[in-house]
Amino acid sequence: RLKGVVKGEIAEKLGMQEGDIILAFDDKPIKDIFAYKDLLSKYSSGDKVKVKVKRDKKIIYFNATFK
């Protein structure tokens, strides 16, 4: 769950909001903070990913590029 979104950073630019729950990167599920950190470590600058997010009761997809 996003505790906040930093102005000017990628999450804000994508339209993510505080409280959004990141469920997956490129269909790789994120079950906890450890899985999230592990997945982040596998991507490099310039990599593009589809991010699956739950907001309230809706599922939203974002296309992101790592810096």
C-alpha atoms as a PDB file:
ATOM      1  CA  ARG A   1       0.000   0.000   0.000  1.00  0.00           C
ATOM      2  CA  LEU A   2       1.361   3.396  -0.933  1.00  0.00           C
ATOM      3  CA  LYS A   3       1.667   5.536   2.166  1.00  0.00           C
ATOM      4  CA  GLY A   4       2.262   8.608   0.065  1.00  0.00           C
ATOM      5  CA  VAL A   5       3.206   9.797  -3.389  1.00  0.00           C
ATOM      6  CA  VAL A   6       6.146  12.167  -3.826  1.00  0.00           C
ATOM      7  CA  LYS A   7       5.483  15.125  -6.098  1.00  0.00           C
ATOM      8  CA  GLY A   8       7.423  14.824  -9.351  1.00  0.00           C
ATOM      9  CA  GLU A   9       8.323  11.161  -8.874  1.00  0.00           C
ATOM     10  CA  ILE A  10       7.173   8.359 -11.162  1.00  0.00           C
ATOM     11  CA  ALA A  11       4.229   7.205  -9.019  1.00  0.00           C
ATOM     12  CA  GLU A  12       2.721  10.688  -9.116  1.00  0.00           C
ATOM     13  CA  LYS A  13       3.431  11.069 -12.832  1.00  0.00           C
ATOM     14  CA  LEU A  14       1.643   7.771 -13.494  1.00  0.00           C
ATOM     15  CA  GLY A  15      -1.384   8.875 -11.510  1.00  0.00           C
ATOM     16  CA  MET A  16      -0.939   6.615  -8.505  1.00  0.00           C
ATOM     17  CA  GLN A  17      -2.444   7.793  -5.246  1.00  0.00           C
ATOM     18  CA  GLU A  18      -1.876   7.340  -1.543  1.00  0.00           C
ATOM     19  CA  GLY A  19      -3.607   4.130  -0.474  1.00  0.00           C
ATOM     20  CA  ASP A  20      -3.158   2.350  -3.821  1.00  0.00           C
ATOM     21  CA  ILE A  21      -2.055  -1.258  -3.377  1.00  0.00           C
ATOM     22  CA  ILE A  22       0.560  -2.513  -5.841  1.00  0.00           C
ATOM     23  CA  LEU A  23      -0.431  -6.076  -6.754  1.00  0.00           C
ATOM     24  CA  ALA A  24       2.000  -7.007  -9.535  1.00  0.00           C
ATOM     25  CA  PHE A  25       4.755  -5.968 -11.924  1.00  0.00           C
ATOM     26  CA  ASP A  26       4.424  -7.581 -15.367  1.00  0.00           C
ATOM     27  CA  ASP A  27       2.013 -10.172 -13.928  1.00  0.00           C
ATOM     28  CA  LYS A  28       4.528 -11.153 -11.208  1.00  0.00           C
ATOM     29  CA  PRO A  29       2.518 -10.994  -7.980  1.00  0.00           C
ATOM     30  CA  ILE A  30       3.608  -8.917  -5.022  1.00  0.00           C
ATOM     31  CA  LYS A  31       2.412 -10.562  -1.831  1.00  0.00           C
ATOM     32  CA  ASP A  32       4.439  -8.560   0.673  1.00  0.00           C
ATOM     33  CA  ILE A  33       7.170  -5.937   1.030  1.00  0.00           C
ATOM     34  CA  PHE A  34       9.889  -8.564   0.591  1.00  0.00           C
ATOM     35  CA  ALA A  35       8.487  -9.701  -2.773  1.00  0.00           C
ATOM     36  CA  TYR A  36       8.176  -6.029  -3.781  1.00  0.00           C
ATOM     37  CA  LYS A  37      11.814  -5.274  -2.951  1.00  0.00           C
ATOM     38  CA  ASP A  38      12.971  -8.477  -4.661  1.00  0.00           C
ATOM     39  CA  LEU A  39      11.127  -7.583  -7.869  1.00  0.00           C
ATOM     40  CA  LEU A  40      12.443  -4.015  -7.823  1.00  0.00           C
ATOM     41  CA  SER A  41      16.001  -5.335  -7.671  1.00  0.00           C
ATOM     42  CA  LYS A  42      15.491  -7.257 -10.929  1.00  0.00           C
ATOM     43  CA  TYR A  43      14.784  -4.166 -13.021  1.00  0.00           C
ATOM     44  CA  SER A  44      17.264  -1.657 -14.433  1.00  0.00           C
ATOM     45  CA  SER A  45      17.022   1.905 -15.638  1.00  0.00           C
ATOM     46  CA  GLY A  46      14.984   2.040 -18.837  1.00  0.00           C
ATOM     47  CA  ASP A  47      13.076  -1.195 -18.204  1.00  0.00           C
ATOM     48  CA  LYS A  48       9.353  -0.908 -18.896  1.00  0.00           C
ATOM     49  CA  VAL A  49       6.784  -2.670 -16.730  1.00  0.00           C
ATOM     50  CA  LYS A  50       3.037  -2.958 -16.447  1.00  0.00           C
ATOM     51  CA  VAL A  51       2.010  -2.230 -12.850  1.00  0.00           C
ATOM     52  CA  LYS A  52      -1.232  -3.697 -11.510  1.00  0.00           C
ATOM     53  CA  VAL A  53      -2.769  -1.617  -8.719  1.00  0.00           C
ATOM     54  CA  LYS A  54      -5.888  -1.944  -6.591  1.00  0.00           C
ATOM     55  CA  ARG A  55      -7.632   1.322  -5.723  1.00  0.00           C
ATOM     56  CA  ASP A  56     -10.707   0.932  -3.585  1.00  0.00           C
ATOM     57  CA  LYS A  57     -12.492  -1.922  -5.380  1.00  0.00           C
ATOM     58  CA  LYS A  58     -11.043  -1.232  -8.853  1.00  0.00           C
ATOM     59  CA  ILE A  59      -8.037  -2.756 -10.596  1.00  0.00           C
ATOM     60  CA  ILE A  60      -5.961  -0.223 -12.536  1.00  0.00           C
ATOM     61  CA  TYR A  61      -2.950  -0.782 -14.790  1.00  0.00           C
ATOM     62  CA  PHE A  62      -0.084   1.655 -15.299  1.00  0.00           C
ATOM     63  CA  ASN A  63       2.808   1.446 -17.757  1.00  0.00           C
ATOM     64  CA  ALA A  64       5.996   2.564 -16.035  1.00  0.00           C
ATOM     65  CA  THR A  65       9.619   3.012 -17.052  1.00  0.00           C
ATOM     66  CA  PHE A  66      12.317   2.640 -14.396  1.00  0.00           C
ATOM     67  CA  LYS A  67      14.682   5.589 -13.966  1.00  0.00           C
END
